Amino acid sequence: MKACVRTLGHYQQMIRWTTLVCAASGACFAQDAFVARSAYESAAAKAASSLTASTKDAPRDLLTTGEKTEWNETGLYPEVMELAHRFERASRFVKVLEFGTTPEGRAMIAIVVSKDRAFTPEAAARTNKVLIMIQSGIHSAEIEGKDTVLMLVRDVTITKRFAGWLDHAI
């Protein structure tokens, strides 16, 4: 089974979209080398950290397939599952939960990130923190976002670039 390979242009488009979504939430990272086709660049986009910095600061064994291949490939199911479980082993703030099974018999997972270790709905409700849900990889042809979400989980819990988020959100 070969990895899903996308063109650089496709990733540029995906990263710009991720930047817009993150900028709207007041967060995030953007690829410095990729410039939007419009002459307008928001203040949030100008202030955004770069994907390159995220990759540089991360332990090599916690890089996504996208990062390892300079965004020419994205991880297959086993690679993504292994990386999620590595995050769980590397940080006490990460819990990988199985919530169902695909028609192919594969586990569907959620990665819960909580400084309070509030890994159940009841425990999360008791924290009175904002609950944020990010979906990625729900369609096989729309999976590039999973790399950036995995990077975000790593940046919040392991490299601690955005660790402050956990003071206010789960």
N, C-alpha and C. Protein backbone atom coordinates (compact mmCIF):
# COMPACT_ATOMS: atom_id res chain seq x y z
N MET A 1 0.84 -1.17 0.00
CA MET A 1 0.00 0.00 0.00
C MET A 1 0.89 1.24 0.00
N LYS A 2 0.73 2.11 -0.94
CA LYS A 2 1.55 3.32 -1.04
C LYS A 2 0.91 4.48 -0.30
N ALA A 3 1.76 5.35 0.20
CA ALA A 3 1.27 6.55 0.89
C ALA A 3 0.57 7.47 -0.11
N CYS A 4 -0.41 8.19 0.37
CA CYS A 4 -1.10 9.18 -0.45
C CYS A 4 -0.14 10.33 -0.70
N VAL A 5 0.18 10.60 -1.94
CA VAL A 5 1.13 11.66 -2.28
C VAL A 5 0.37 12.81 -2.92
N ARG A 6 0.64 14.02 -2.45
CA ARG A 6 0.00 15.22 -2.98
C ARG A 6 1.06 16.14 -3.55
N THR A 7 0.63 17.03 -4.41
CA THR A 7 1.55 18.01 -4.97
C THR A 7 1.83 19.10 -3.96
N LEU A 8 2.95 19.78 -4.12
CA LEU A 8 3.31 20.88 -3.23
C LEU A 8 2.22 21.95 -3.26
N GLY A 9 1.66 22.21 -4.42
CA GLY A 9 0.60 23.21 -4.54
C GLY A 9 -0.60 22.85 -3.67
N HIS A 10 -0.93 21.57 -3.61
CA HIS A 10 -2.04 21.12 -2.79
C HIS A 10 -1.75 21.42 -1.32
N TYR A 11 -0.52 21.16 -0.89
CA TYR A 11 -0.15 21.43 0.50
C TYR A 11 -0.12 22.92 0.78
N GLN A 12 0.33 23.71 -0.18
CA GLN A 12 0.32 25.15 0.01
C GLN A 12 -1.10 25.63 0.28
N GLN A 13 -2.03 25.12 -0.51
CA GLN A 13 -3.43 25.48 -0.36
C GLN A 13 -3.94 25.04 1.02
N MET A 14 -3.62 23.82 1.42
CA MET A 14 -4.05 23.28 2.71
C MET A 14 -3.46 24.09 3.85
N ILE A 15 -2.20 24.45 3.76
CA ILE A 15 -1.55 25.19 4.84
C ILE A 15 -2.14 26.59 4.94
N ARG A 16 -2.43 27.22 3.80
CA ARG A 16 -3.06 28.54 3.85
C ARG A 16 -4.42 28.44 4.54
N TRP A 17 -5.19 27.39 4.22
CA TRP A 17 -6.50 27.21 4.85
C TRP A 17 -6.32 26.98 6.34
N THR A 18 -5.38 26.15 6.73
CA THR A 18 -5.12 25.91 8.15
C THR A 18 -4.76 27.22 8.84
N THR A 19 -3.95 28.04 8.17
CA THR A 19 -3.57 29.33 8.74
C THR A 19 -4.79 30.19 8.98
N LEU A 20 -5.72 30.21 8.01
CA LEU A 20 -6.93 31.01 8.16
C LEU A 20 -7.76 30.52 9.33
N VAL A 21 -7.92 29.20 9.44
CA VAL A 21 -8.70 28.64 10.53
C VAL A 21 -8.04 28.97 11.86
N CYS A 22 -6.73 28.79 11.93
CA CYS A 22 -6.01 29.06 13.17
C CYS A 22 -6.02 30.54 13.49
N ALA A 23 -5.86 31.38 12.48
CA ALA A 23 -5.87 32.82 12.72
C ALA A 23 -7.23 33.25 13.27
N ALA A 24 -8.29 32.63 12.77
CA ALA A 24 -9.63 32.97 13.26
C ALA A 24 -9.79 32.59 14.73
N SER A 25 -9.07 31.57 15.18
CA SER A 25 -9.17 31.15 16.58
C SER A 25 -8.13 31.84 17.45
N GLY A 26 -7.33 32.71 16.86
CA GLY A 26 -6.33 33.45 17.62
C GLY A 26 -5.07 32.66 17.86
N ALA A 27 -4.86 31.60 17.09
CA ALA A 27 -3.75 30.70 17.37
C ALA A 27 -2.81 30.60 16.20
N CYS A 28 -1.79 29.90 16.24
CA CYS A 28 -1.33 28.90 15.31
C CYS A 28 -0.02 29.07 14.63
N PHE A 29 0.07 28.44 13.49
CA PHE A 29 1.32 28.39 12.76
C PHE A 29 1.03 28.47 11.28
N ALA A 30 1.98 28.97 10.52
CA ALA A 30 1.83 29.08 9.07
C ALA A 30 3.18 28.82 8.43
N GLN A 31 3.18 28.39 7.21
CA GLN A 31 4.43 28.14 6.51
C GLN A 31 4.94 29.46 5.96
N ASP A 32 6.05 29.94 6.50
CA ASP A 32 6.59 31.24 6.09
C ASP A 32 6.85 31.30 4.59
N ALA A 33 7.27 30.18 4.01
CA ALA A 33 7.62 30.20 2.59
C ALA A 33 6.41 30.31 1.68
N PHE A 34 5.22 30.01 2.20
CA PHE A 34 4.02 30.05 1.39
C PHE A 34 3.32 31.39 1.60
N VAL A 35 3.12 32.11 0.55
CA VAL A 35 2.49 33.42 0.64
C VAL A 35 1.14 33.34 -0.07
N ALA A 36 0.13 33.87 0.56
CA ALA A 36 -1.20 33.88 -0.06
C ALA A 36 -1.15 34.63 -1.38
N ARG A 37 -1.99 34.24 -2.32
CA ARG A 37 -2.01 34.88 -3.63
C ARG A 37 -2.51 36.33 -3.54
N SER A 38 -3.29 36.62 -2.54
CA SER A 38 -3.79 37.97 -2.33
C SER A 38 -2.67 38.84 -1.75
N ALA A 39 -2.75 40.14 -1.99
CA ALA A 39 -1.76 41.06 -1.42
C ALA A 39 -2.05 41.29 0.06
N TYR A 40 -3.27 40.99 0.50
CA TYR A 40 -3.64 41.21 1.89
C TYR A 40 -3.06 40.11 2.77
N GLU A 41 -2.51 40.51 3.88
CA GLU A 41 -2.05 39.55 4.88
C GLU A 41 -2.49 40.08 6.24
N SER A 42 -3.28 39.29 6.94
CA SER A 42 -3.84 39.73 8.22
C SER A 42 -2.75 39.86 9.27
N ALA A 43 -3.06 40.62 10.31
CA ALA A 43 -2.13 40.76 11.42
C ALA A 43 -1.87 39.41 12.07
N ALA A 44 -2.91 38.58 12.17
CA ALA A 44 -2.74 37.25 12.76
C ALA A 44 -1.80 36.40 11.93
N ALA A 45 -1.94 36.48 10.59
CA ALA A 45 -1.05 35.70 9.72
C ALA A 45 0.39 36.18 9.84
N LYS A 46 0.58 37.50 9.95
CA LYS A 46 1.94 38.03 10.10
C LYS A 46 2.58 37.57 11.40
N ALA A 47 1.77 37.47 12.44
CA ALA A 47 2.29 37.11 13.76
C ALA A 47 2.41 35.61 13.97
N ALA A 48 1.86 34.83 13.05
CA ALA A 48 1.84 33.38 13.24
C ALA A 48 3.23 32.78 13.22
N SER A 49 3.43 31.78 14.06
CA SER A 49 4.69 31.03 14.06
C SER A 49 4.72 30.16 12.82
N SER A 50 5.84 29.59 12.51
CA SER A 50 5.94 28.82 11.27
C SER A 50 5.91 27.32 11.51
N LEU A 51 5.46 26.60 10.50
CA LEU A 51 5.52 25.15 10.53
C LEU A 51 6.96 24.69 10.64
N THR A 52 7.85 25.43 10.01
CA THR A 52 9.26 25.08 10.04
C THR A 52 9.78 25.11 11.47
N ALA A 53 9.41 26.10 12.24
CA ALA A 53 9.84 26.20 13.64
C ALA A 53 9.28 25.04 14.45
N SER A 54 8.04 24.67 14.18
CA SER A 54 7.43 23.54 14.88
C SER A 54 8.23 22.27 14.63
N THR A 55 8.57 22.03 13.37
CA THR A 55 9.34 20.85 13.01
C THR A 55 10.72 20.88 13.64
N LYS A 56 11.37 22.02 13.58
CA LYS A 56 12.73 22.16 14.11
C LYS A 56 12.79 21.88 15.61
N ASP A 57 11.78 22.29 16.34
CA ASP A 57 11.77 22.15 17.79
C ASP A 57 11.35 20.76 18.27
N ALA A 58 10.84 19.93 17.38
CA ALA A 58 10.27 18.64 17.78
C ALA A 58 11.31 17.53 17.79
N PRO A 59 11.16 16.58 18.72
CA PRO A 59 12.01 15.40 18.68
C PRO A 59 11.78 14.64 17.37
N ARG A 60 12.83 14.14 16.78
CA ARG A 60 12.76 13.47 15.46
C ARG A 60 11.73 12.34 15.44
N ASP A 61 11.63 11.58 16.52
CA ASP A 61 10.69 10.45 16.53
C ASP A 61 9.24 10.88 16.71
N LEU A 62 9.01 12.19 16.86
CA LEU A 62 7.64 12.69 17.00
C LEU A 62 7.24 13.58 15.83
N LEU A 63 7.94 13.45 14.71
CA LEU A 63 7.58 14.19 13.49
C LEU A 63 6.50 13.44 12.74
N THR A 64 5.65 14.18 12.04
CA THR A 64 4.64 13.55 11.19
C THR A 64 5.29 13.09 9.89
N THR A 65 4.59 12.25 9.16
CA THR A 65 5.09 11.82 7.85
C THR A 65 5.24 13.02 6.92
N GLY A 66 4.31 13.96 6.99
CA GLY A 66 4.41 15.18 6.17
C GLY A 66 5.71 15.91 6.43
N GLU A 67 6.06 16.08 7.68
CA GLU A 67 7.31 16.77 8.02
C GLU A 67 8.53 15.99 7.56
N LYS A 68 8.51 14.69 7.75
CA LYS A 68 9.65 13.85 7.37
C LYS A 68 9.89 13.84 5.86
N THR A 69 8.84 14.05 5.07
CA THR A 69 8.95 13.96 3.61
C THR A 69 8.85 15.32 2.94
N GLU A 70 9.05 16.39 3.71
CA GLU A 70 8.94 17.76 3.19
C GLU A 70 7.58 17.97 2.52
N TRP A 71 6.55 17.41 3.12
CA TRP A 71 5.16 17.57 2.70
C TRP A 71 4.85 16.93 1.35
N ASN A 72 5.62 15.91 0.97
CA ASN A 72 5.33 15.17 -0.26
C ASN A 72 4.44 13.97 0.01
N GLU A 73 4.31 13.56 1.25
CA GLU A 73 3.47 12.43 1.62
C GLU A 73 2.74 12.75 2.91
N THR A 74 1.72 11.97 3.16
CA THR A 74 1.03 12.05 4.45
C THR A 74 0.95 10.64 5.00
N GLY A 75 0.87 10.52 6.30
CA GLY A 75 0.96 9.21 6.93
C GLY A 75 -0.21 8.29 6.65
N LEU A 76 0.11 7.02 6.58
CA LEU A 76 -0.91 5.98 6.49
C LEU A 76 -1.49 5.73 7.88
N TYR A 77 -2.58 5.03 7.93
CA TYR A 77 -3.27 4.75 9.19
C TYR A 77 -2.32 4.23 10.28
N PRO A 78 -1.50 3.20 10.01
CA PRO A 78 -0.63 2.69 11.08
C PRO A 78 0.37 3.74 11.59
N GLU A 79 0.86 4.59 10.71
CA GLU A 79 1.81 5.64 11.12
C GLU A 79 1.13 6.66 12.02
N VAL A 80 -0.08 7.04 11.67
CA VAL A 80 -0.82 8.02 12.47
C VAL A 80 -1.15 7.43 13.84
N MET A 81 -1.60 6.19 13.87
CA MET A 81 -1.93 5.55 15.15
C MET A 81 -0.69 5.45 16.04
N GLU A 82 0.43 5.06 15.46
CA GLU A 82 1.67 4.95 16.23
C GLU A 82 2.09 6.32 16.79
N LEU A 83 2.00 7.36 15.98
CA LEU A 83 2.37 8.69 16.44
C LEU A 83 1.44 9.16 17.56
N ALA A 84 0.15 8.92 17.43
CA ALA A 84 -0.79 9.29 18.49
C ALA A 84 -0.42 8.60 19.80
N HIS A 85 -0.08 7.33 19.73
CA HIS A 85 0.30 6.60 20.94
C HIS A 85 1.66 7.05 21.48
N ARG A 86 2.55 7.48 20.60
CA ARG A 86 3.82 8.05 21.08
C ARG A 86 3.57 9.33 21.86
N PHE A 87 2.66 10.16 21.36
CA PHE A 87 2.30 11.38 22.09
C PHE A 87 1.76 11.02 23.48
N GLU A 88 0.91 10.00 23.51
CA GLU A 88 0.32 9.57 24.78
C GLU A 88 1.40 9.11 25.76
N ARG A 89 2.39 8.39 25.26
CA ARG A 89 3.49 7.92 26.13
C ARG A 89 4.40 9.07 26.55
N ALA A 90 4.52 10.09 25.70
CA ALA A 90 5.45 11.19 25.96
C ALA A 90 4.86 12.28 26.86
N SER A 91 3.54 12.35 26.98
CA SER A 91 2.92 13.42 27.77
C SER A 91 1.76 12.88 28.60
N ARG A 92 1.76 13.22 29.86
CA ARG A 92 0.65 12.80 30.73
C ARG A 92 -0.62 13.58 30.44
N PHE A 93 -0.52 14.60 29.58
CA PHE A 93 -1.68 15.42 29.22
C PHE A 93 -2.42 14.88 27.99
N VAL A 94 -1.96 13.77 27.43
CA VAL A 94 -2.55 13.21 26.21
C VAL A 94 -3.15 11.84 26.50
N LYS A 95 -4.36 11.64 26.01
CA LYS A 95 -5.03 10.34 26.13
C LYS A 95 -5.63 10.00 24.78
N VAL A 96 -5.33 8.81 24.28
CA VAL A 96 -5.90 8.32 23.02
C VAL A 96 -7.08 7.42 23.38
N LEU A 97 -8.25 7.80 22.90
CA LEU A 97 -9.47 7.06 23.21
C LEU A 97 -10.07 6.48 21.93
N GLU A 98 -10.47 5.24 21.98
CA GLU A 98 -11.15 4.60 20.85
C GLU A 98 -12.65 4.84 21.01
N PHE A 99 -13.29 5.31 19.93
CA PHE A 99 -14.72 5.59 20.03
C PHE A 99 -15.56 4.84 19.00
N GLY A 100 -14.93 4.01 18.20
CA GLY A 100 -15.68 3.26 17.21
C GLY A 100 -14.75 2.50 16.29
N THR A 101 -15.36 1.87 15.30
CA THR A 101 -14.62 1.06 14.34
C THR A 101 -15.08 1.42 12.94
N THR A 102 -14.13 1.52 12.02
CA THR A 102 -14.47 1.81 10.62
C THR A 102 -15.06 0.57 9.97
N PRO A 103 -15.69 0.72 8.79
CA PRO A 103 -16.19 -0.46 8.07
C PRO A 103 -15.07 -1.46 7.74
N GLU A 104 -13.81 -0.97 7.68
CA GLU A 104 -12.68 -1.86 7.43
C GLU A 104 -12.20 -2.56 8.70
N GLY A 105 -12.82 -2.26 9.84
CA GLY A 105 -12.43 -2.88 11.10
C GLY A 105 -11.31 -2.16 11.83
N ARG A 106 -11.00 -0.93 11.43
CA ARG A 106 -9.94 -0.16 12.08
C ARG A 106 -10.51 0.67 13.22
N ALA A 107 -9.74 0.82 14.26
CA ALA A 107 -10.17 1.65 15.39
C ALA A 107 -10.23 3.11 14.97
N MET A 108 -11.27 3.80 15.41
CA MET A 108 -11.36 5.26 15.24
C MET A 108 -11.00 5.85 16.60
N ILE A 109 -10.13 6.85 16.57
CA ILE A 109 -9.65 7.40 17.83
C ILE A 109 -9.92 8.90 17.96
N ALA A 110 -9.93 9.33 19.19
CA ALA A 110 -9.91 10.75 19.53
C ALA A 110 -8.69 10.95 20.41
N ILE A 111 -8.00 12.05 20.19
CA ILE A 111 -6.87 12.41 21.04
C ILE A 111 -7.36 13.53 21.95
N VAL A 112 -7.42 13.26 23.23
CA VAL A 112 -7.87 14.25 24.20
C VAL A 112 -6.64 14.85 24.86
N VAL A 113 -6.60 16.18 24.90
CA VAL A 113 -5.46 16.90 25.48
C VAL A 113 -5.99 17.72 26.65
N SER A 114 -5.51 17.40 27.85
CA SER A 114 -6.00 18.09 29.05
C SER A 114 -4.91 18.18 30.11
N LYS A 115 -4.59 19.38 30.50
CA LYS A 115 -3.62 19.62 31.58
C LYS A 115 -4.14 19.04 32.90
N ASP A 116 -5.46 19.02 33.04
CA ASP A 116 -6.10 18.51 34.26
C ASP A 116 -6.32 17.00 34.21
N ARG A 117 -5.92 16.39 33.10
CA ARG A 117 -6.15 14.96 32.87
C ARG A 117 -7.65 14.65 32.93
N ALA A 118 -8.44 15.58 32.43
CA ALA A 118 -9.90 15.43 32.38
C ALA A 118 -10.24 14.74 31.06
N PHE A 119 -10.16 13.42 31.06
CA PHE A 119 -10.29 12.66 29.82
C PHE A 119 -11.68 12.07 29.59
N THR A 120 -12.62 12.39 30.46
CA THR A 120 -14.01 11.97 30.25
C THR A 120 -14.87 13.22 30.14
N PRO A 121 -16.05 13.12 29.54
CA PRO A 121 -16.92 14.30 29.45
C PRO A 121 -17.25 14.87 30.84
N GLU A 122 -17.47 13.99 31.80
CA GLU A 122 -17.82 14.44 33.15
C GLU A 122 -16.65 15.20 33.79
N ALA A 123 -15.46 14.66 33.67
CA ALA A 123 -14.28 15.32 34.24
C ALA A 123 -14.01 16.65 33.54
N ALA A 124 -14.18 16.68 32.23
CA ALA A 124 -13.97 17.92 31.47
C ALA A 124 -14.97 18.99 31.90
N ALA A 125 -16.22 18.61 32.12
CA ALA A 125 -17.25 19.57 32.53
C ALA A 125 -16.91 20.19 33.89
N ARG A 126 -16.32 19.40 34.78
CA ARG A 126 -15.97 19.92 36.11
C ARG A 126 -14.85 20.96 36.07
N THR A 127 -14.07 21.01 35.00
CA THR A 127 -12.97 21.98 34.92
C THR A 127 -13.45 23.37 34.56
N ASN A 128 -14.65 23.48 34.00
CA ASN A 128 -15.19 24.76 33.51
C ASN A 128 -14.31 25.39 32.44
N LYS A 129 -13.51 24.59 31.76
CA LYS A 129 -12.68 25.10 30.67
C LYS A 129 -13.43 25.00 29.35
N VAL A 130 -13.00 25.79 28.40
CA VAL A 130 -13.54 25.72 27.05
C VAL A 130 -13.16 24.37 26.45
N LEU A 131 -14.11 23.72 25.80
CA LEU A 131 -13.83 22.45 25.13
C LEU A 131 -13.70 22.73 23.64
N ILE A 132 -12.59 22.32 23.05
CA ILE A 132 -12.34 22.53 21.63
C ILE A 132 -12.27 21.17 20.96
N MET A 133 -13.02 21.01 19.88
CA MET A 133 -12.97 19.77 19.11
C MET A 133 -12.49 20.09 17.71
N ILE A 134 -11.47 19.39 17.28
CA ILE A 134 -10.94 19.55 15.92
C ILE A 134 -11.09 18.22 15.22
N GLN A 135 -11.76 18.20 14.08
CA GLN A 135 -11.87 16.98 13.29
C GLN A 135 -10.87 17.05 12.15
N SER A 136 -10.20 15.95 11.92
CA SER A 136 -9.31 15.88 10.76
C SER A 136 -9.22 14.44 10.31
N GLY A 137 -9.05 14.25 9.02
CA GLY A 137 -8.91 12.90 8.49
C GLY A 137 -10.21 12.12 8.43
N ILE A 138 -11.34 12.80 8.26
CA ILE A 138 -12.60 12.06 8.23
C ILE A 138 -12.93 11.53 6.83
N HIS A 139 -12.29 12.07 5.80
CA HIS A 139 -12.45 11.55 4.44
C HIS A 139 -11.06 11.25 3.89
N SER A 140 -10.93 10.14 3.21
CA SER A 140 -9.61 9.71 2.76
C SER A 140 -8.93 10.69 1.81
N ALA A 141 -9.68 11.50 1.09
CA ALA A 141 -9.05 12.45 0.17
C ALA A 141 -8.86 13.83 0.81
N GLU A 142 -9.21 13.96 2.07
CA GLU A 142 -9.12 15.25 2.75
C GLU A 142 -8.32 15.11 4.05
N ILE A 143 -7.21 14.42 3.99
CA ILE A 143 -6.54 14.04 5.22
C ILE A 143 -5.29 14.83 5.57
N GLU A 144 -4.91 15.79 4.75
CA GLU A 144 -3.67 16.51 5.02
C GLU A 144 -3.73 17.27 6.34
N GLY A 145 -4.89 17.71 6.74
CA GLY A 145 -5.03 18.44 7.98
C GLY A 145 -4.63 17.64 9.20
N LYS A 146 -4.66 16.32 9.08
CA LYS A 146 -4.29 15.50 10.24
C LYS A 146 -2.84 15.73 10.63
N ASP A 147 -1.97 15.99 9.66
CA ASP A 147 -0.57 16.27 9.98
C ASP A 147 -0.45 17.53 10.82
N THR A 148 -1.14 18.59 10.43
CA THR A 148 -1.03 19.84 11.18
C THR A 148 -1.71 19.74 12.54
N VAL A 149 -2.78 18.97 12.65
CA VAL A 149 -3.40 18.77 13.96
C VAL A 149 -2.47 17.98 14.87
N LEU A 150 -1.82 16.96 14.33
CA LEU A 150 -0.85 16.20 15.14
C LEU A 150 0.30 17.10 15.58
N MET A 151 0.73 17.99 14.69
CA MET A 151 1.78 18.95 15.06
C MET A 151 1.30 19.85 16.19
N LEU A 152 0.05 20.28 16.12
CA LEU A 152 -0.50 21.15 17.15
C LEU A 152 -0.55 20.42 18.50
N VAL A 153 -1.00 19.17 18.50
CA VAL A 153 -1.01 18.38 19.74
C VAL A 153 0.40 18.30 20.30
N ARG A 154 1.36 18.03 19.45
CA ARG A 154 2.77 17.95 19.89
C ARG A 154 3.25 19.29 20.43
N ASP A 155 2.89 20.38 19.75
CA ASP A 155 3.35 21.71 20.18
C ASP A 155 2.72 22.14 21.51
N VAL A 156 1.53 21.67 21.79
CA VAL A 156 0.87 22.02 23.05
C VAL A 156 1.40 21.16 24.20
N THR A 157 1.64 19.89 23.94
CA THR A 157 1.92 18.96 25.04
C THR A 157 3.38 18.54 25.20
N ILE A 158 4.14 18.57 24.14
CA ILE A 158 5.50 18.02 24.22
C ILE A 158 6.56 19.10 24.09
N THR A 159 6.52 19.87 23.00
CA THR A 159 7.51 20.95 22.88
C THR A 159 7.08 22.16 23.70
N LYS A 160 5.82 22.20 24.09
CA LYS A 160 5.25 23.24 24.96
C LYS A 160 5.21 24.63 24.31
N ARG A 161 5.25 24.70 22.98
CA ARG A 161 5.18 25.99 22.29
C ARG A 161 3.88 26.72 22.61
N PHE A 162 2.80 25.97 22.77
CA PHE A 162 1.50 26.56 23.06
C PHE A 162 0.91 25.97 24.34
N ALA A 163 1.76 25.61 25.29
CA ALA A 163 1.30 24.96 26.52
C ALA A 163 0.29 25.80 27.29
N GLY A 164 0.38 27.11 27.18
CA GLY A 164 -0.55 28.00 27.89
C GLY A 164 -2.00 27.78 27.51
N TRP A 165 -2.24 27.25 26.32
CA TRP A 165 -3.62 26.98 25.91
C TRP A 165 -4.32 26.06 26.90
N LEU A 166 -3.54 25.13 27.47
CA LEU A 166 -4.14 24.14 28.37
C LEU A 166 -4.59 24.74 29.69
N ASP A 167 -4.20 25.97 29.96
CA ASP A 167 -4.69 26.66 31.16
C ASP A 167 -6.15 27.06 31.00
N HIS A 168 -6.60 27.12 29.75
CA HIS A 168 -7.94 27.65 29.47
C HIS A 168 -8.83 26.71 28.66
N ALA A 169 -8.27 25.65 28.12
CA ALA A 169 -9.06 24.81 27.21
C ALA A 169 -8.66 23.34 27.31
N ILE A 170 -9.57 22.50 26.87
CA ILE A 170 -9.33 21.06 26.72
C ILE A 170 -9.60 20.75 25.27
